C-alpha atoms as a PDB file:
ATOM      1  CA  MET A   1     118.537 149.693  55.856  1.00  0.00           C
ATOM      2  CA  SER A   2     122.303 149.496  56.254  1.00  0.00           C
ATOM      3  CA  ASP A   3     124.216 146.251  56.771  1.00  0.00           C
ATOM      4  CA  ARG A   4     124.948 147.295  60.304  1.00  0.00           C
ATOM      5  CA  GLN A   5     121.280 147.817  61.058  1.00  0.00           C
ATOM      6  CA  ARG A   6     120.364 144.514  59.443  1.00  0.00           C
ATOM      7  CA  HIS A   7     123.046 142.738  61.446  1.00  0.00           C
ATOM      8  CA  ARG A   8     121.844 144.359  64.671  1.00  0.00           C
ATOM      9  CA  ARG A   9     118.242 143.449  63.912  1.00  0.00           C
ATOM     10  CA  SER A  10     119.235 139.868  63.124  1.00  0.00           C
ATOM     11  CA  TYR A  11     121.191 139.672  66.358  1.00  0.00           C
ATOM     12  CA  GLN A  12     118.218 140.970  68.368  1.00  0.00           C
ATOM     13  CA  GLU A  13     115.891 138.456  66.689  1.00  0.00           C
ATOM     14  CA  LYS A  14     118.361 135.705  67.497  1.00  0.00           C
ATOM     15  CA  LEU A  15     118.449 136.797  71.132  1.00  0.00           C
ATOM     16  CA  GLY A  16     114.666 136.853  71.170  1.00  0.00           C
ATOM     17  CA  ARG A  17     114.490 133.318  69.812  1.00  0.00           C
ATOM     18  CA  GLN A  18     117.042 132.150  72.351  1.00  0.00           C
ATOM     19  CA  LYS A  19     115.073 133.717  75.208  1.00  0.00           C
ATOM     20  CA  LYS A  20     111.867 132.165  73.896  1.00  0.00           C
ATOM     21  CA  HIS A  21     113.569 128.803  73.550  1.00  0.00           C
ATOM     22  CA  LYS A  22     114.942 129.031  77.101  1.00  0.00           C
ATOM     23  CA  LYS A  23     111.492 129.969  78.387  1.00  0.00           C
ATOM     24  CA  ILE A  24     109.889 127.015  76.590  1.00  0.00           C
ATOM     25  CA  SER A  25     112.662 124.705  77.804  1.00  0.00           C
ATOM     26  CA  GLY A  26     112.144 125.975  81.325  1.00  0.00           C
ATOM     27  CA  LEU A  27     108.422 125.383  81.141  1.00  0.00           C
ATOM     28  CA  MET A  28     108.998 121.920  79.714  1.00  0.00           C
ATOM     29  CA  MET A  29     111.433 121.139  82.500  1.00  0.00           C
ATOM     30  CA  VAL A  30     108.964 122.311  85.121  1.00  0.00           C
ATOM     31  CA  ALA A  31     106.217 120.223  83.493  1.00  0.00           C
ATOM     32  CA  SER A  32     108.539 117.194  83.337  1.00  0.00           C
ATOM     33  CA  LEU A  33     109.457 117.589  86.990  1.00  0.00           C
ATOM     34  CA  ALA A  34     105.772 117.911  87.893  1.00  0.00           C
ATOM     35  CA  LEU A  35     104.936 114.769  85.925  1.00  0.00           C
ATOM     36  CA  PHE A  36     107.879 112.958  87.487  1.00  0.00           C
ATOM     37  CA  ALA A  37     106.786 114.023  90.956  1.00  0.00           C
ATOM     38  CA  THR A  38     103.194 112.968  90.255  1.00  0.00           C
ATOM     39  CA  ALA A  39     104.363 109.611  88.929  1.00  0.00           C
ATOM     40  CA  GLY A  40     106.519 109.202  92.012  1.00  0.00           C
ATOM     41  CA  ILE A  41     103.603 109.961  94.315  1.00  0.00           C
ATOM     42  CA  LEU A  42     101.325 107.546  92.449  1.00  0.00           C
ATOM     43  CA  LEU A  43     103.998 104.847  92.524  1.00  0.00           C
ATOM     44  CA  ALA A  44     104.525 105.382  96.245  1.00  0.00           C
ATOM     45  CA  ARG A  45     100.776 105.177  96.854  1.00  0.00           C
ATOM     46  CA  TYR A  46     100.571 101.977  94.797  1.00  0.00           C
ATOM     47  CA  ILE A  47     103.439 100.422  96.746  1.00  0.00           C
ATOM     48  CA  ILE A  48     101.815 101.381 100.057  1.00  0.00           C
ATOM     49  CA  MET A  49      98.436 100.083  98.866  1.00  0.00           C
ATOM     50  CA  THR A  50     100.031  96.785  97.792  1.00  0.00           C
ATOM     51  CA  LYS A  51     101.760  96.392 101.145  1.00  0.00           C
ATOM     52  CA  ASN A  52      98.598  97.248 103.076  1.00  0.00           C
ATOM     53  CA  THR A  53      96.500  94.862 100.979  1.00  0.00           C
ATOM     54  CA  LYS A  54      98.894  91.953 101.461  1.00  0.00           C
ATOM     55  CA  THR A  55      99.213  92.677 105.174  1.00  0.00           C
ATOM     56  CA  LEU A  56      95.431  92.770 105.588  1.00  0.00           C
ATOM     57  CA  GLN A  57      95.013  89.514 103.673  1.00  0.00           C
ATOM     58  CA  ALA A  58      97.587  87.824 105.899  1.00  0.00           C
ATOM     59  CA  GLU A  59      95.818  89.092 109.016  1.00  0.00           C
ATOM     60  CA  LEU A  60      92.428  87.934 107.743  1.00  0.00           C
ATOM     61  CA  LYS A  61      93.828  84.504 106.947  1.00  0.00           C
ATOM     62  CA  GLU A  62      95.225  84.236 110.462  1.00  0.00           C
ATOM     63  CA  SER A  63      91.893  85.257 111.973  1.00  0.00           C
ATOM     64  CA  TYR A  64      90.122  82.670 109.830  1.00  0.00           C
ATOM     65  CA  LYS A  65      92.252  79.908 111.321  1.00  0.00           C
ATOM     66  CA  GLN A  66      91.459  80.856 114.891  1.00  0.00           C
ATOM     67  CA  VAL A  67      88.644  79.123 116.737  1.00  0.00           C
ATOM     68  CA  ALA A  68      86.919  80.893 119.624  1.00  0.00           C
ATOM     69  CA  THR A  69      85.824  77.873 121.657  1.00  0.00           C
ATOM     70  CA  VAL A  70      83.492  79.636 124.065  1.00  0.00           C
ATOM     71  CA  GLU A  71      81.600  81.525 121.388  1.00  0.00           C
ATOM     72  CA  THR A  72      81.495  78.445 119.189  1.00  0.00           C
ATOM     73  CA  GLU A  73      79.730  76.461 121.889  1.00  0.00           C
ATOM     74  CA  ALA A  74      77.291  79.323 122.431  1.00  0.00           C
ATOM     75  CA  LEU A  75      76.388  79.382 118.746  1.00  0.00           C
ATOM     76  CA  LYS A  76      75.939  75.603 118.718  1.00  0.00           C
ATOM     77  CA  ALA A  77      73.327  75.776 121.453  1.00  0.00           C
ATOM     78  CA  PRO A  78      69.894  74.735 120.096  1.00  0.00           C
ATOM     79  CA  VAL A  79      67.455  77.452 119.137  1.00  0.00           C
ATOM     80  CA  SER A  80      64.029  76.752 120.584  1.00  0.00           C
ATOM     81  CA  THR A  81      62.028  79.367 118.722  1.00  0.00           C
ATOM     82  CA  PRO A  82      62.369  81.236 115.423  1.00  0.00           C
ATOM     83  CA  GLN A  83      62.656  84.512 117.341  1.00  0.00           C
ATOM     84  CA  ALA A  84      65.803  83.255 119.054  1.00  0.00           C
ATOM     85  CA  ALA A  85      67.624  82.575 115.787  1.00  0.00           C
ATOM     86  CA  PRO A  86      71.097  84.154 115.845  1.00  0.00           C
ATOM     87  CA  VAL A  87      71.653  87.383 113.945  1.00  0.00           C
ATOM     88  CA  VAL A  88      74.628  85.760 112.215  1.00  0.00           C
ATOM     89  CA  SER A  89      72.373  83.790 109.896  1.00  0.00           C
ATOM     90  CA  TYR A  90      72.619  84.801 106.264  1.00  0.00           C
ATOM     91  CA  ALA A  91      70.288  87.559 105.239  1.00  0.00           C
ATOM     92  CA  PRO A  92      71.022  89.506 102.063  1.00  0.00           C
ATOM     93  CA  GLN A  93      69.961  93.099 102.493  1.00  0.00           C
ATOM     94  CA  ASN A  94      67.101  92.724 100.026  1.00  0.00           C
ATOM     95  CA  TYR A  95      65.810  89.498 101.615  1.00  0.00           C
ATOM     96  CA  VAL A  96      62.415  89.501 103.329  1.00  0.00           C
ATOM     97  CA  ALA A  97      61.038  86.277 104.800  1.00  0.00           C
ATOM     98  CA  LEU A  98      57.437  85.583 103.843  1.00  0.00           C
ATOM     99  CA  GLN A  99      56.777  83.944 107.214  1.00  0.00           C
ATOM    100  CA  PRO A 100      58.772  82.860 110.287  1.00  0.00           C
ATOM    101  CA  SER A 101      60.522  79.570 109.633  1.00  0.00           C
ATOM    102  CA  PRO A 102      60.257  76.839 112.278  1.00  0.00           C
ATOM    103  CA  THR A 103      63.491  75.309 110.986  1.00  0.00           C
ATOM    104  CA  GLN A 104      66.481  75.731 113.268  1.00  0.00           C
ATOM    105  CA  GLU A 105      69.142  78.005 111.828  1.00  0.00           C
ATOM    106  CA  PRO A 106      72.494  76.303 111.230  1.00  0.00           C
ATOM    107  CA  ALA A 107      75.420  77.353 113.383  1.00  0.00           C
ATOM    108  CA  MET A 108      78.147  79.486 111.871  1.00  0.00           C
ATOM    109  CA  ALA A 109      81.414  77.637 111.284  1.00  0.00           C
ATOM    110  CA  PRO A 110      83.843  78.586 114.085  1.00  0.00           C
ATOM    111  CA  GLU A 111      86.528  79.735 111.638  1.00  0.00           C
ATOM    112  CA  PHE A 112      84.376  82.715 110.728  1.00  0.00           C
ATOM    113  CA  LEU A 113      83.621  84.006 114.216  1.00  0.00           C
ATOM    114  CA  SER A 114      86.515  86.442 114.559  1.00  0.00           C
ATOM    115  CA  LEU A 115      86.150  87.792 111.032  1.00  0.00           C
ATOM    116  CA  TYR A 116      82.391  88.148 111.308  1.00  0.00           C
ATOM    117  CA  LYS A 117      82.840  90.472 114.278  1.00  0.00           C
ATOM    118  CA  LYS A 118      84.889  92.751 112.038  1.00  0.00           C
ATOM    119  CA  ASN A 119      82.551  92.671 109.065  1.00  0.00           C
ATOM    120  CA  GLN A 120      79.025  91.268 108.952  1.00  0.00           C
ATOM    121  CA  ASP A 121      79.076  91.382 105.149  1.00  0.00           C
ATOM    122  CA  LEU A 122      81.250  88.252 105.343  1.00  0.00           C
ATOM    123  CA  VAL A 123      79.584  85.257 103.649  1.00  0.00           C
ATOM    124  CA  ALA A 124      82.301  82.802 102.611  1.00  0.00           C
ATOM    125  CA  TRP A 125      85.955  81.891 102.145  1.00  0.00           C
ATOM    126  CA  LEU A 126      87.534  80.990  98.797  1.00  0.00           C
ATOM    127  CA  LYS A 127      90.753  79.035  98.346  1.00  0.00           C
ATOM    128  CA  LEU A 128      92.329  77.742  95.130  1.00  0.00           C
ATOM    129  CA  GLU A 129      94.820  74.911  95.481  1.00  0.00           C
ATOM    130  CA  GLY A 130      96.899  76.048  92.531  1.00  0.00           C
ATOM    131  CA  ILE A 131      97.189  79.743  93.422  1.00  0.00           C
ATOM    132  CA  LYS A 132      98.305  80.413  96.988  1.00  0.00           C
ATOM    133  CA  GLU A 133      97.377  84.116  96.769  1.00  0.00           C
ATOM    134  CA  ILE A 134      93.706  83.229  96.264  1.00  0.00           C
ATOM    135  CA  ASP A 135      92.915  82.308  99.846  1.00  0.00           C
ATOM    136  CA  PHE A 136      90.674  85.012 101.284  1.00  0.00           C
ATOM    137  CA  PRO A 137      87.233  86.004 102.581  1.00  0.00           C
ATOM    138  CA  ILE A 138      84.275  86.747 100.332  1.00  0.00           C
ATOM    139  CA  THR A 139      81.895  89.577 101.175  1.00  0.00           C
ATOM    140  CA  GLN A 140      78.468  90.521  99.851  1.00  0.00           C
ATOM    141  CA  ARG A 141      76.597  93.795  99.747  1.00  0.00           C
ATOM    142  CA  ASP A 142      75.440  95.664  96.651  1.00  0.00           C
ATOM    143  CA  ASN A 143      77.913  94.922  93.798  1.00  0.00           C
ATOM    144  CA  SER A 144      79.479  98.365  94.134  1.00  0.00           C
ATOM    145  CA  PHE A 145      80.793  98.983  97.663  1.00  0.00           C
ATOM    146  CA  TYR A 146      83.518  96.317  97.599  1.00  0.00           C
ATOM    147  CA  VAL A 147      84.706  97.384  94.181  1.00  0.00           C
ATOM    148  CA  SER A 148      86.508 100.229  95.972  1.00  0.00           C
ATOM    149  CA  HIS A 149      86.690  99.225  99.659  1.00  0.00           C
ATOM    150  CA  ASP A 150      88.719  96.686 101.590  1.00  0.00           C
ATOM    151  CA  PHE A 151      87.366  94.133 104.047  1.00  0.00           C
ATOM    152  CA  LEU A 152      87.416  96.685 106.875  1.00  0.00           C
ATOM    153  CA  GLY A 153      85.434  99.230 104.846  1.00  0.00           C
ATOM    154  CA  ARG A 154      88.375 101.498 104.016  1.00  0.00           C
ATOM    155  CA  LYS A 155      88.842 103.020 100.572  1.00  0.00           C
ATOM    156  CA  SER A 156      91.031 100.744  98.456  1.00  0.00           C
ATOM    157  CA  VAL A 157      91.809 100.465  94.751  1.00  0.00           C
ATOM    158  CA  ALA A 158      92.149  96.701  95.205  1.00  0.00           C
ATOM    159  CA  GLY A 159      88.642  96.372  96.614  1.00  0.00           C
ATOM    160  CA  THR A 160      87.505  93.055  98.096  1.00  0.00           C
ATOM    161  CA  PRO A 161      86.299  89.856  96.386  1.00  0.00           C
ATOM    162  CA  PHE A 162      82.526  89.729  96.679  1.00  0.00           C
ATOM    163  CA  LEU A 163      79.630  87.436  95.967  1.00  0.00           C
ATOM    164  CA  ASP A 164      77.168  88.807  93.448  1.00  0.00           C
ATOM    165  CA  ALA A 165      74.231  90.503  95.160  1.00  0.00           C
ATOM    166  CA  SER A 166      71.789  88.206  93.387  1.00  0.00           C
ATOM    167  CA  CYS A 167      73.231  85.111  95.105  1.00  0.00           C
ATOM    168  CA  ASN A 168      72.129  83.468  98.373  1.00  0.00           C
ATOM    169  CA  VAL A 169      74.093  81.305 100.772  1.00  0.00           C
ATOM    170  CA  LEU A 170      71.231  79.846 102.813  1.00  0.00           C
ATOM    171  CA  PRO A 171      70.491  77.852 100.799  1.00  0.00           C
ATOM    172  CA  ASN A 172      73.192  78.323  98.173  1.00  0.00           C
ATOM    173  CA  SER A 173      72.096  79.704  94.823  1.00  0.00           C
ATOM    174  CA  GLU A 174      72.279  77.479  91.789  1.00  0.00           C
ATOM    175  CA  ASN A 175      75.280  79.478  90.563  1.00  0.00           C
ATOM    176  CA  MET A 176      77.523  81.295  93.049  1.00  0.00           C
ATOM    177  CA  ILE A 177      79.232  84.193  91.238  1.00  0.00           C
ATOM    178  CA  ILE A 178      82.341  85.866  92.691  1.00  0.00           C
ATOM    179  CA  HIS A 179      83.801  89.126  91.361  1.00  0.00           C
ATOM    180  CA  ALA A 180      87.263  90.549  92.107  1.00  0.00           C
ATOM    181  CA  HIS A 181      89.769  92.919  90.525  1.00  0.00           C
ATOM    182  CA  ASN A 182      92.605  91.667  88.343  1.00  0.00           C
ATOM    183  CA  MET A 183      95.310  93.478  90.293  1.00  0.00           C
ATOM    184  CA  LYS A 184      98.756  93.777  88.693  1.00  0.00           C
ATOM    185  CA  ASN A 185     100.346  93.339  92.121  1.00  0.00           C
ATOM    186  CA  GLY A 186      98.918  89.823  92.257  1.00  0.00           C
ATOM    187  CA  THR A 187      96.329  90.426  94.963  1.00  0.00           C
ATOM    188  CA  MET A 188      92.603  89.628  94.652  1.00  0.00           C
ATOM    189  CA  PHE A 189      92.136  87.839  91.282  1.00  0.00           C
ATOM    190  CA  GLY A 190      95.430  89.226  89.964  1.00  0.00           C
ATOM    191  CA  LYS A 191      96.780  85.699  89.545  1.00  0.00           C
ATOM    192  CA  LEU A 192      93.610  83.947  88.429  1.00  0.00           C
ATOM    193  CA  ASN A 193      95.125  83.921  84.937  1.00  0.00           C
ATOM    194  CA  HIS A 194      97.686  81.392  86.230  1.00  0.00           C
ATOM    195  CA  LEU A 195      94.953  78.830  85.562  1.00  0.00           C
ATOM    196  CA  LEU A 196      95.629  79.470  81.870  1.00  0.00           C
ATOM    197  CA  ASP A 197      98.940  77.713  82.506  1.00  0.00           C
ATOM    198  CA  GLU A 198      98.342  74.043  81.732  1.00  0.00           C
ATOM    199  CA  GLN A 199     100.543  72.595  84.468  1.00  0.00           C
ATOM    200  CA  THR A 200      99.063  74.825  87.157  1.00  0.00           C
ATOM    201  CA  LEU A 201      95.531  73.797  86.257  1.00  0.00           C
ATOM    202  CA  LYS A 202      96.244  70.099  85.761  1.00  0.00           C
ATOM    203  CA  ASN A 203      98.258  69.697  88.958  1.00  0.00           C
ATOM    204  CA  HIS A 204      95.974  71.728  91.221  1.00  0.00           C
ATOM    205  CA  PRO A 205      92.459  71.980  89.748  1.00  0.00           C
ATOM    206  CA  LEU A 206      90.294  72.016  92.879  1.00  0.00           C
ATOM    207  CA  ALA A 207      88.795  75.002  94.666  1.00  0.00           C
ATOM    208  CA  SER A 208      87.429  75.212  98.192  1.00  0.00           C
ATOM    209  CA  PHE A 209      84.399  77.436  98.674  1.00  0.00           C
ATOM    210  CA  LYS A 210      83.197  77.488 102.249  1.00  0.00           C
ATOM    211  CA  THR A 211      80.187  79.560 103.241  1.00  0.00           C
ATOM    212  CA  LEU A 212      79.366  80.516 106.821  1.00  0.00           C
ATOM    213  CA  TYR A 213      77.474  77.238 107.113  1.00  0.00           C
ATOM    214  CA  GLU A 214      78.935  74.552 104.849  1.00  0.00           C
ATOM    215  CA  ASP A 215      82.022  73.356 103.008  1.00  0.00           C
ATOM    216  CA  GLY A 216      82.217  72.768  99.282  1.00  0.00           C
ATOM    217  CA  THR A 217      84.911  71.421  96.980  1.00  0.00           C
ATOM    218  CA  PHE A 218      84.669  72.357  93.309  1.00  0.00           C
ATOM    219  CA  VAL A 219      86.317  71.227  90.072  1.00  0.00           C
ATOM    220  CA  PRO A 220      86.546  73.400  86.919  1.00  0.00           C
ATOM    221  CA  PHE A 221      84.659  72.538  83.753  1.00  0.00           C
ATOM    222  CA  ALA A 222      85.774  75.654  81.812  1.00  0.00           C
ATOM    223  CA  VAL A 223      88.493  78.324  81.912  1.00  0.00           C
ATOM    224  CA  SER A 224      87.193  80.871  79.444  1.00  0.00           C
ATOM    225  CA  ILE A 225      87.929  84.274  77.996  1.00  0.00           C
ATOM    226  CA  ILE A 226      84.589  85.822  77.136  1.00  0.00           C
ATOM    227  CA  SER A 227      82.934  89.192  76.557  1.00  0.00           C
ATOM    228  CA  ILE A 228      80.144  90.912  78.451  1.00  0.00           C
ATOM    229  CA  ASP A 229      79.337  92.977  75.358  1.00  0.00           C
ATOM    230  CA  PRO A 230      76.127  91.589  73.766  1.00  0.00           C
ATOM    231  CA  ASN A 231      77.429  92.609  70.334  1.00  0.00           C
ATOM    232  CA  ASN A 232      80.591  90.527  70.699  1.00  0.00           C
ATOM    233  CA  ALA A 233      80.724  86.987  69.267  1.00  0.00           C
ATOM    234  CA  ARG A 234      82.142  85.721  72.575  1.00  0.00           C
ATOM    235  CA  TYR A 235      79.331  87.204  74.658  1.00  0.00           C
ATOM    236  CA  VAL A 236      78.137  85.250  77.678  1.00  0.00           C
ATOM    237  CA  PRO A 237      75.524  86.644  80.118  1.00  0.00           C
ATOM    238  CA  LEU A 238      77.392  85.995  83.354  1.00  0.00           C
ATOM    239  CA  VAL A 239      75.099  87.158  86.128  1.00  0.00           C
ATOM    240  CA  LYS A 240      72.876  84.115  86.340  1.00  0.00           C
ATOM    241  CA  SER A 241      72.596  83.033  89.945  1.00  0.00           C
ATOM    242  CA  GLU A 242      69.363  81.176  89.194  1.00  0.00           C
ATOM    243  CA  PHE A 243      68.307  79.905  85.804  1.00  0.00           C
ATOM    244  CA  LYS A 244      64.759  80.329  84.520  1.00  0.00           C
ATOM    245  CA  SER A 245      64.842  76.994  82.733  1.00  0.00           C
ATOM    246  CA  LEU A 246      66.994  73.937  82.161  1.00  0.00           C
ATOM    247  CA  GLN A 247      67.612  75.196  78.633  1.00  0.00           C
ATOM    248  CA  GLU A 248      68.972  78.526  79.909  1.00  0.00           C
ATOM    249  CA  ARG A 249      71.274  76.684  82.318  1.00  0.00           C
ATOM    250  CA  GLU A 250      72.567  74.380  79.582  1.00  0.00           C
ATOM    251  CA  GLN A 251      73.194  77.310  77.247  1.00  0.00           C
ATOM    252  CA  TYR A 252      75.195  79.093  79.946  1.00  0.00           C
ATOM    253  CA  ILE A 253      77.370  76.039  80.569  1.00  0.00           C
ATOM    254  CA  GLU A 254      77.790  75.302  76.864  1.00  0.00           C
ATOM    255  CA  ARG A 255      78.890  78.876  76.106  1.00  0.00           C
ATOM    256  CA  LEU A 256      81.564  78.769  78.796  1.00  0.00           C
ATOM    257  CA  ILE A 257      82.792  75.407  77.497  1.00  0.00           C
ATOM    258  CA  GLU A 258      82.761  76.729  73.927  1.00  0.00           C
ATOM    259  CA  PHE A 259      85.212  79.510  74.812  1.00  0.00           C
ATOM    260  CA  SER A 260      87.259  77.465  77.271  1.00  0.00           C
ATOM    261  CA  SER A 261      91.040  77.377  76.795  1.00  0.00           C
ATOM    262  CA  TYR A 262      90.912  73.697  77.772  1.00  0.00           C
ATOM    263  CA  SER A 263      89.019  70.565  76.967  1.00  0.00           C
ATOM    264  CA  LEU A 264      88.206  69.430  80.485  1.00  0.00           C
ATOM    265  CA  PRO A 265      86.975  65.937  81.398  1.00  0.00           C
ATOM    266  CA  ILE A 266      84.240  67.218  83.701  1.00  0.00           C
ATOM    267  CA  ASP A 267      80.527  66.802  83.031  1.00  0.00           C
ATOM    268  CA  VAL A 268      77.879  69.051  84.539  1.00  0.00           C
ATOM    269  CA  LEU A 269      74.531  67.612  85.539  1.00  0.00           C
ATOM    270  CA  THR A 270      71.247  69.339  86.240  1.00  0.00           C
ATOM    271  CA  GLN A 271      71.572  69.092  90.022  1.00  0.00           C
ATOM    272  CA  ASP A 272      75.194  70.264  90.205  1.00  0.00           C
ATOM    273  CA  GLU A 273      75.854  73.478  92.114  1.00  0.00           C
ATOM    274  CA  LEU A 274      77.975  75.939  90.100  1.00  0.00           C
ATOM    275  CA  LEU A 275      80.688  78.366  91.165  1.00  0.00           C
ATOM    276  CA  THR A 276      81.813  81.114  88.774  1.00  0.00           C
ATOM    277  CA  LEU A 277      84.896  83.302  89.274  1.00  0.00           C
ATOM    278  CA  VAL A 278      85.006  86.502  87.211  1.00  0.00           C
ATOM    279  CA  THR A 279      87.703  89.126  86.662  1.00  0.00           C
ATOM    280  CA  CYS A 280      88.782  91.623  83.999  1.00  0.00           C
ATOM    281  CA  HIS A 281      91.200  90.346  81.374  1.00  0.00           C
ATOM    282  CA  GLY A 282      93.021  91.727  78.338  1.00  0.00           C
ATOM    283  CA  LYS A 283      92.912  95.218  76.919  1.00  0.00           C
ATOM    284  CA  GLU A 284      89.201  95.459  76.181  1.00  0.00           C
ATOM    285  CA  ASP A 285      86.920  96.783  78.917  1.00  0.00           C
ATOM    286  CA  SER A 286      84.323  94.128  78.121  1.00  0.00           C
ATOM    287  CA  GLU A 287      86.691  91.145  78.190  1.00  0.00           C
ATOM    288  CA  ARG A 288      86.570  88.790  81.175  1.00  0.00           C
ATOM    289  CA  LEU A 289      88.433  85.750  82.411  1.00  0.00           C
ATOM    290  CA  VAL A 290      85.863  83.327  83.784  1.00  0.00           C
ATOM    291  CA  VAL A 291      86.476  80.046  85.572  1.00  0.00           C
ATOM    292  CA  GLY A 292      83.412  77.830  85.762  1.00  0.00           C
ATOM    293  CA  TYR A 293      83.342  75.162  88.497  1.00  0.00           C
ATOM    294  CA  ARG A 294      80.851  72.573  89.586  1.00  0.00           C
ATOM    295  CA  ARG A 295      80.654  71.026  93.028  1.00  0.00           C
ATOM    296  CA  LEU A 296      82.035  67.557  93.691  1.00  0.00           C
ATOM    297  CA  ARG A 297      79.282  64.993  94.088  1.00  0.00           C
ATOM    298  CA  GLU A 298      78.884  62.680  97.073  1.00  0.00           C
ATOM    299  CA  ASN A 299      80.280  59.730  95.131  1.00  0.00           C
ATOM    300  CA  GLU A 300      83.378  61.644  93.979  1.00  0.00           C
ATOM    301  CA  SER A 301      86.566  61.885  96.016  1.00  0.00           C
ATOM    302  CA  PRO A 302      88.976  64.816  95.541  1.00  0.00           C
ATOM    303  CA  GLU A 303      91.878  62.406  94.990  1.00  0.00           C
ATOM    304  CA  GLU A 304      90.115  60.471  92.225  1.00  0.00           C
ATOM    305  CA  ILE A 305      88.922  63.637  90.493  1.00  0.00           C
ATOM    306  CA  GLU A 306      92.407  65.194  90.627  1.00  0.00           C
ATOM    307  CA  SER A 307      93.991  62.048  89.161  1.00  0.00           C
ATOM    308  CA  TYR A 308      91.403  61.759  86.387  1.00  0.00           C
ATOM    309  CA  PHE A 309      91.615  65.497  85.672  1.00  0.00           C
ATOM    310  CA  LYS A 310      95.416  65.443  85.398  1.00  0.00           C
ATOM    311  CA  LYS A 311      95.349  62.578  82.885  1.00  0.00           C
ATOM    312  CA  ASN A 312      92.555  63.905  80.687  1.00  0.00           C
ATOM    313  CA  ALA A 313      92.578  67.728  80.756  1.00  0.00           C
ATOM    314  CA  LYS A 314      93.969  69.139  77.512  1.00  0.00           C
ATOM    315  CA  LYS A 315      94.963  72.641  76.438  1.00  0.00           C
ATOM    316  CA  ILE A 316      93.204  73.764  73.264  1.00  0.00           C
ATOM    317  CA  LEU A 317      95.739  75.101  70.788  1.00  0.00           C
END
């Protein structure tokens, strides 16, 4: 092969490589643009979802504050027979009464009337003093629906905070367990981790948990990072609405205290009603942030508990 032929062949190979490179570059550019467009669409959807979620929460909060006087008086009217009991009384979907109860059903708190018309899965309202974003309704159905639906039943990544299906609100279960997503936009339990900040917890420790029928004020006894993986050393079996024995109850409380980020000056007695808030936390799928509360007793005032809590709660280093 002559030098001229070799040179021509080399030039053709070079052109071929250049064309191939341009083709690959073109494909990469198209792929990059597609990824960029997809990311843009996802970001836009996330922004819209965040806006819609916050707007809905604001609307629900406003509805909660309203009192429908006429309907309130109607609900307060005495019920003469069990058959006349209002439909609004709590009845989990798997609940079956063994026999008609002669006891008069309690009236629904007027704050819930407007919201209950929109969603009869409504069972309570949760409000944390230290985190203004956690001030919203609690639903209950089957532990799956509200993972991906908002309060109005529409598809939503943020979901809706819900009471575990094993819990009752008439009467309240021994341990009321609330689940919600840890949303990066700060909605739902997205800011529950603010209780890991010492000043936030010490200055505003109390939680209000109001069911359709009664108010409750709760104080935390543990703010814990645990695992739901039985093989993990930090494992705690969370879904315990009722305990089979006093020993099982004490073990549950002790495990939460063991993994608490604080040493909290709050005791828990046998008769104390518990409230447990649960959300995802950290990088592991099995890791959870859990805040364990117990209800204030009749001889405890919120002001005294807050003062004592502020002086004696300590972050564990």
